[in-house]
Protein backbone atom coordinates (compact mmCIF):
# COMPACT_ATOMS: atom_id res chain seq x y z
CA MET A 1 57.61 94.55 128.58
CA GLN A 2 60.05 97.51 128.79
CA THR A 3 63.64 96.78 126.72
CA LYS A 4 66.46 99.20 126.87
CA ALA A 5 68.01 98.81 124.24
CA ILE A 6 92.53 111.71 96.72
CA LYS A 7 96.90 109.65 93.54
CA MET A 8 98.33 112.44 96.15
CA ALA A 9 96.79 115.05 93.59
CA THR A 10 100.90 116.24 93.38
CA PHE A 11 101.38 120.04 94.89
CA MET A 12 103.65 120.98 92.34
CA GLY A 13 106.37 123.04 93.02
CA LEU A 14 106.15 125.37 90.21
CA VAL A 15 109.49 126.63 88.46
CA LEU A 16 109.35 129.87 86.69
CA THR A 17 111.43 130.10 83.07
CA LEU A 18 111.11 133.84 82.53
CA VAL A 19 111.06 133.26 78.36
CA PHE A 20 111.85 137.05 76.42
CA ALA A 21 109.54 136.41 73.46
CA CYS A 22 108.29 138.61 71.09
CA SER A 23 105.01 136.66 70.31
CA PRO A 24 102.10 138.29 71.82
CA GLN A 25 100.29 134.20 71.39
CA GLU A 26 103.03 132.76 72.64
CA ASN A 27 102.69 135.02 75.64
CA THR A 28 99.32 134.18 75.74
CA GLU A 29 100.04 130.66 75.95
CA ASN A 30 102.31 130.69 78.13
CA LEU A 31 100.10 132.89 80.84
CA THR A 32 97.58 129.24 79.93
CA ALA A 33 100.04 126.89 81.23
CA MET A 34 100.59 129.40 84.25
CA ASN A 35 97.32 129.26 85.16
CA GLU A 36 96.50 125.51 84.60
CA SER A 37 99.79 124.67 86.36
CA GLU A 38 98.30 127.10 89.39
CA THR A 39 94.84 125.52 89.04
CA VAL A 40 96.29 122.14 89.96
CA ALA A 41 98.46 123.37 92.44
CA SER A 42 95.47 125.07 94.57
CA LYS A 43 94.10 121.28 95.40
CA GLN A 44 95.40 118.75 97.89
CA ALA A 45 94.30 115.80 98.11
CA VAL A 46 94.03 113.15 101.19
CA VAL A 47 93.76 109.49 102.68
CA PHE A 48 92.33 108.48 106.04
CA ILE A 49 93.15 105.35 106.88
CA ALA A 50 89.95 105.06 109.60
CA GLY A 51 90.59 102.14 111.39
CA TYR A 52 93.01 99.71 112.47
CA ASP A 53 93.96 95.78 112.54
CA LYS A 54 92.56 93.13 114.84
CA GLY A 55 94.37 89.68 114.71
CA GLU A 56 95.87 88.27 112.07
CA SER A 57 94.67 90.97 109.17
CA THR A 58 96.27 93.74 108.07
CA TYR A 59 93.44 95.00 106.22
CA TYR A 60 95.14 98.42 106.99
CA LYS A 61 97.96 97.55 106.96
CA ASP A 62 97.75 96.83 103.29
CA ALA A 63 95.97 100.07 102.36
CA LYS A 64 98.06 102.58 103.80
CA GLN A 65 101.39 100.77 101.41
CA HIS A 66 99.07 100.20 98.92
CA PHE A 67 98.03 104.83 98.80
CA GLU A 68 101.75 105.76 100.20
CA GLY A 69 103.36 104.08 97.09
CA LEU A 70 101.01 106.41 94.50
CA HIS A 71 102.20 109.44 96.89
CA TYR A 72 99.14 110.23 98.78
CA LYS A 73 98.67 112.02 101.96
CA ILE A 74 98.10 109.64 105.01
CA VAL A 75 96.37 110.12 107.98
CA ASP A 76 95.81 107.09 109.88
CA ASN A 77 94.63 108.06 113.41
CA ALA A 78 91.24 109.26 113.03
CA PHE A 79 89.32 106.82 113.65
CA SER A 80 85.31 108.56 113.89
CA LEU A 81 83.33 111.28 111.55
CA GLN A 82 83.96 113.53 113.85
CA GLU A 83 87.67 114.07 113.99
CA ILE A 84 87.43 113.16 110.23
CA ILE A 85 85.86 116.18 109.54
CA ALA A 86 87.90 118.28 112.02
CA TRP A 87 91.02 117.40 110.21
CA LEU A 88 89.88 118.52 107.02
CA ASN A 89 88.61 122.24 108.28
CA LYS A 90 92.19 122.30 110.04
CA ASN A 91 94.80 121.62 107.78
CA HIS A 92 92.65 123.03 105.03
CA ASN A 93 95.28 125.73 104.25
CA GLU A 94 93.23 127.48 101.77
CA GLN A 95 93.82 124.41 99.38
CA ASP A 96 90.87 122.76 98.15
CA TYR A 97 90.57 119.09 98.98
CA SER A 98 89.82 117.45 95.37
CA GLU A 99 89.76 113.75 96.50
CA ILE A 100 88.86 112.55 99.87
CA HIS A 101 89.39 108.96 100.76
CA ILE A 102 88.33 106.66 103.67
CA VAL A 103 89.61 103.70 103.76
CA ASN A 104 87.02 101.61 106.38
CA LYS A 105 85.75 97.65 106.82
CA GLY A 106 82.09 97.75 106.74
CA ASN A 107 79.28 95.98 104.21
CA SER A 108 76.08 97.42 102.76
CA LYS A 109 73.52 96.07 106.02
CA LYS A 110 75.31 97.63 108.80
CA GLY A 111 77.22 100.52 107.38
CA LEU A 112 80.86 101.30 108.49
CA SER A 113 82.76 99.96 111.26
CA LEU A 114 83.38 103.85 111.80
CA GLU A 115 82.50 105.61 114.62
CA THR A 116 79.86 108.69 113.98
CA THR A 117 81.53 110.79 116.81
CA ILE A 118 84.76 110.54 119.20
CA HIS A 119 83.51 107.31 121.60
CA GLY A 120 80.20 107.06 119.44
CA GLU A 121 78.10 105.18 117.81
CA LEU A 122 79.23 103.13 114.60
CA LEU A 123 78.02 105.02 111.09
CA SER A 124 75.12 103.33 109.74
CA GLN A 125 72.49 105.70 108.42
CA GLN A 126 70.09 106.26 111.21
CA SER A 127 72.68 106.98 113.76
CA LEU A 128 74.49 109.28 111.33
CA LEU A 129 71.00 110.63 110.47
CA ASN A 130 70.70 111.09 114.38
CA CYS A 131 73.88 112.69 114.73
CA LEU A 132 72.97 115.37 112.50
CA LYS A 133 69.72 116.19 113.60
CA GLU A 134 71.45 116.82 117.04
CA ASN A 135 73.90 118.78 115.81
CA LYS A 136 76.96 116.09 117.55
CA LEU A 137 78.98 116.77 114.37
CA PRO A 138 81.15 119.49 113.31
CA LYS A 139 80.18 121.23 110.02
CA LEU A 140 82.43 121.07 106.81
CA LYS A 141 84.30 124.55 106.08
CA SER A 142 84.71 125.79 102.51
CA VAL A 143 87.28 123.17 101.59
CA LEU A 144 86.00 121.41 98.42
CA ALA A 145 86.40 122.27 94.74
CA ALA A 146 83.43 122.04 92.45
CA ASP A 147 84.61 118.77 91.09
CA SER A 148 85.87 117.43 94.37
CA LYS A 149 85.54 113.99 95.03
CA LEU A 150 84.62 111.57 98.79
CA VAL A 151 86.04 107.87 97.57
CA PHE A 152 84.37 105.43 100.28
CA HIS A 153 86.91 101.86 100.09
CA THR A 154 84.72 99.49 101.94
CA SER A 155 83.20 96.43 100.75
CA GLU A 156 79.81 97.19 99.15
CA LEU A 157 79.48 99.62 100.38
CA GLY A 158 77.75 100.66 96.85
CA LYS A 159 75.00 98.90 97.59
CA ASN A 160 73.65 101.42 99.97
CA LYS A 161 72.61 104.63 98.54
CA GLN A 162 70.45 106.16 101.59
CA LEU A 163 73.94 105.39 103.49
CA LEU A 164 75.89 107.42 100.97
CA GLN A 165 73.56 110.04 100.75
CA VAL A 166 73.17 111.22 103.56
CA LEU A 167 77.66 110.92 103.33
CA LYS A 168 77.21 113.07 100.71
CA GLN A 169 74.79 116.25 102.89
CA THR A 170 77.30 115.14 105.79
CA PHE A 171 80.02 116.35 103.32
CA THR A 172 78.23 119.12 101.59
CA ALA A 173 80.15 122.81 102.07
CA ASN A 174 80.61 125.35 100.09
CA TYR A 175 79.66 122.54 97.18
CA GLN A 176 78.65 119.17 96.96
CA PRO A 177 81.16 116.24 96.63
CA LYS A 178 80.59 113.54 93.93
CA VAL A 179 80.67 110.53 96.41
CA PHE A 180 81.62 106.18 95.29
CA ALA A 181 81.69 103.50 96.41
CA THR A 182 82.00 99.76 94.92
CA GLN A 183 79.13 97.52 95.09
CA HIS A 184 82.02 94.68 95.73
CA ALA A 185 84.80 93.13 98.15
CA THR A 186 87.79 95.72 98.41
CA LEU A 187 90.67 94.44 98.68
CA PHE A 188 94.59 95.28 99.30
CA ASN A 189 97.84 94.05 98.95
CA GLY A 190 97.13 90.97 96.74
CA GLN A 191 99.24 88.17 95.69
CA PHE A 192 99.21 89.40 92.09
CA GLN A 193 97.09 92.31 91.85
CA LYS A 194 97.88 95.35 94.99
CA HIS A 195 94.71 96.39 94.95
CA TYR A 196 91.51 94.98 93.13
CA LEU A 197 87.68 94.40 92.91
CA ALA A 198 85.74 90.83 93.92
CA ASP A 199 82.95 89.37 94.02
CA VAL A 200 81.40 88.46 97.53
CA PHE A 201 79.14 85.22 98.60
CA TYR A 202 78.78 84.54 102.31
CA GLY A 203 78.05 81.43 103.94
CA TYR A 204 77.54 80.63 107.98
CA TYR A 205 77.41 78.53 110.44
CA PRO A 206 76.94 78.67 114.60
CA THR A 207 80.48 79.62 115.52
CA ALA A 208 82.98 76.33 117.09
CA GLN A 209 80.09 73.72 114.82
CA SER A 210 81.73 73.46 111.80
CA PRO A 211 79.26 71.14 109.82
CA GLY A 212 82.42 70.95 107.14
CA ASN A 213 83.46 71.74 104.22
CA ILE A 214 81.11 69.27 101.94
CA ASP A 215 78.69 70.29 103.90
CA LEU A 216 79.31 73.74 104.27
CA SER A 217 79.74 73.58 99.97
CA LYS A 218 76.73 72.40 99.71
CA GLN A 219 74.93 75.72 101.22
CA PHE A 220 77.02 78.00 98.80
CA ILE A 221 75.26 75.74 96.28
CA ARG A 222 71.52 75.92 97.16
CA LYS A 223 72.45 79.82 97.92
CA TYR A 224 74.41 80.69 95.02
CA PRO A 225 72.97 77.79 91.94
CA LEU A 226 73.47 80.01 88.94
CA GLU A 227 77.27 80.61 89.85
CA ASP A 228 80.50 78.83 87.70
CA ILE A 229 82.53 78.69 90.91
CA HIS A 230 83.87 75.09 92.70
CA TRP A 231 82.72 75.83 96.65
CA LEU A 232 84.97 73.04 97.85
CA ASN A 233 88.10 74.39 96.15
CA ALA A 234 86.71 77.64 97.36
CA ILE A 235 86.52 77.08 100.64
CA ARG A 236 90.34 75.54 101.08
CA THR A 237 91.86 77.84 99.78
CA LYS A 238 92.94 80.74 101.48
CA GLU A 239 94.76 82.85 99.31
CA GLU A 240 94.78 83.29 94.95
CA GLY A 241 96.74 80.58 93.96
CA GLU A 242 96.74 81.85 90.23
CA PRO A 243 95.35 84.95 88.83
CA GLY A 244 91.68 85.63 89.25
CA GLU A 245 91.33 82.19 91.40
CA ALA A 246 88.55 81.82 94.46
CA PHE A 247 89.36 81.79 98.00
CA SER A 248 87.54 81.91 100.67
CA TYR A 249 88.46 83.64 105.20
CA LYS A 250 86.47 83.43 108.17
CA PHE A 251 85.19 85.64 110.72
CA ASN A 252 82.90 86.15 113.45
CA ILE A 253 80.08 87.96 113.70
CA PRO A 254 78.84 88.79 117.40
CA VAL A 255 75.09 89.63 118.77
CA ARG A 256 74.43 90.38 122.56
CA TRP A 257 71.58 92.20 123.97
CA GLU A 258 70.54 92.64 127.03
CA ILE A 259 66.26 93.04 128.07
CA GLU A 260 65.28 94.53 131.20
CA PHE A 261 61.55 92.89 132.37
CA SER A 262 59.28 94.85 134.76
CA ASP A 263 57.60 91.50 136.25
CA ASP A 264 59.58 88.33 137.56
CA GLU A 265 56.03 86.53 135.91
CA ASP A 266 57.75 87.67 132.41
CA LEU A 267 61.34 86.66 132.98
CA PRO A 268 61.56 83.54 130.35
CA SER A 269 64.09 81.01 131.20
CA LEU A 270 65.91 80.43 127.74
CA ALA A 271 66.96 77.14 129.10
CA ASP A 272 68.64 75.95 125.71
CA ALA A 273 69.18 77.27 121.80
CA ASN A 274 66.29 75.33 120.41
CA GLU A 275 64.01 78.13 123.48
CA ILE A 276 65.87 81.43 122.75
CA MET A 277 65.49 80.51 118.89
CA ASP A 278 61.83 80.14 119.78
CA TRP A 279 61.81 83.36 121.77
CA ILE A 280 63.09 85.49 119.51
CA ASP A 281 60.96 84.35 116.66
CA ASP A 282 58.44 85.66 118.73
CA ASN A 283 59.60 89.15 119.41
CA GLU A 284 59.64 91.40 116.22
CA LYS A 285 62.07 93.50 117.53
CA TYR A 286 64.24 90.79 117.47
CA SER A 287 63.60 89.15 114.94
CA ASN A 288 63.69 91.87 112.43
CA ILE A 289 67.44 92.35 113.67
CA ILE A 290 68.30 89.06 112.79
CA LYS A 291 66.76 89.32 109.89
CA ASP A 292 67.90 92.48 108.31
CA MET A 293 71.69 90.97 109.32
CA GLY A 294 70.73 87.87 106.08
CA ILE A 295 71.67 85.40 108.40
CA LYS A 296 69.44 83.07 109.99
CA VAL A 297 68.59 82.36 113.35
CA GLU A 298 69.70 78.60 113.81
CA TYR A 299 73.15 79.63 111.91
CA PHE A 300 74.13 81.66 115.03
CA ARG A 301 75.63 79.30 118.64
CA TRP A 302 72.49 80.53 121.37
CA LYS A 303 73.12 80.94 125.21
CA ALA A 304 70.75 83.29 127.62
CA TYR A 305 71.27 83.40 131.07
CA LYS A 306 69.78 86.29 133.58
CA SER A 307 70.72 88.93 136.00
CA GLY A 308 68.42 90.54 137.69
CA GLN A 309 65.73 91.76 136.25
CA LYS A 310 67.55 91.31 132.90
CA VAL A 311 68.30 88.38 130.70
CA ILE A 312 71.11 88.92 128.32
CA ILE A 313 71.18 86.92 125.08
CA LYS A 314 74.52 86.16 123.51
CA GLY A 315 74.53 85.06 120.26
CA LYS A 316 77.86 84.44 117.73
CA THR A 317 77.90 83.33 114.07
CA THR A 318 81.12 81.68 112.11
CA ALA A 319 80.97 83.87 108.57
CA VAL A 320 82.84 82.04 105.83
CA CYS A 321 83.80 85.02 102.94
CA ILE A 322 84.38 83.44 99.19
CA LEU A 323 85.91 85.72 97.39
CA LYS A 324 86.22 85.36 93.53
CA PRO A 325 88.64 88.60 91.64
CA MET A 326 87.02 90.59 89.44
CA MET A 327 88.53 89.80 85.69
CA GLN A 328 88.11 91.87 82.14
CA ARG A 329 85.90 89.75 80.31
CA ASN A 330 87.71 90.70 77.17
CA ASN A 331 90.81 88.90 79.65
CA PRO A 332 90.43 86.45 81.84
CA LEU A 333 94.20 87.13 82.91
CA SER A 334 93.88 90.86 84.05
CA TYR A 335 91.95 92.30 86.90
CA VAL A 336 89.86 94.63 86.15
CA ARG A 337 90.46 98.15 86.89
CA THR A 338 90.28 100.02 90.73
CA GLU A 339 88.60 103.52 88.74
CA PHE A 340 86.41 104.65 90.58
CA ASP A 341 84.51 107.02 88.33
CA ASN A 342 83.81 103.94 86.09
CA GLN A 343 79.91 103.22 86.93
CA ARG A 344 80.09 100.46 85.80
CA TYR A 345 81.94 98.50 89.00
CA TYR A 346 81.29 102.00 91.21
CA THR A 347 78.18 103.74 92.67
CA LYS A 348 78.05 107.67 92.29
CA LEU A 349 76.03 109.92 93.58
């Protein structure tokens, strides 16, 4: 069988007041202050809103409003790593980037929804390594300072240190940036906090075949037995009613494979979902794809049909995501601060 498969580091306008002082010590202090101000003025920061909202989602809109409120430079028309690097090179203007922020949806397993190249593959460790090997990405010019920071606002990306290491290499120019990403969910425009972190928990069922909230809550109980969360209430709650309250939302995850066979006799019939799941279990390549997603094969709704020498298999699962805002241990009414240099909540490379 063959298969084909940066709060914008404020750009300070310098108001130079000439002070005629007789003391050499005072002159030295004034000169030092001027040099420090010039150093700050020689740096810049930027936030890439590297995605767009679909349906009722407002994630990117909320993130943009948050960073605009902090007076960052916003770029909202670069949706690939290629475009981000090209923008940084073009807009450098002899100013080092002190912070580069990239806002993009994704997770620790699959990577980012950011494209590698324009209309290219989505960004994962392997796709990025392939791009670097084939020289498909522009080289970042000497645009960094010794203390430049590269911050990814992507939920749970901090768990994937291998991908972060490749990203660090990709953004290395005259200096290597310090790279930050949280191991938790990152959210914007909350009911009580504009930007906060949350613990995240997942449950699944075949799309359009919901088992009901009670049975779904039992799945969470079995999967996360040590968590002190009222799962049924969390499933029923769609936003925080009070600070720190767990809530949920749903989204679908599709799978689509086109498998070409060289011989008609090898074409499987796959008449129903059970036959499809059995076939997947018997084929290591596709079984591993499902295992790597961390979702049981039975949590997908499966369909298959033939097209010439191909069999097209489609699967779709509904993920129920429960978010528990992270609160300070010594003050349960205060949210954990989103300070990306805090290694308790952010991975730093």
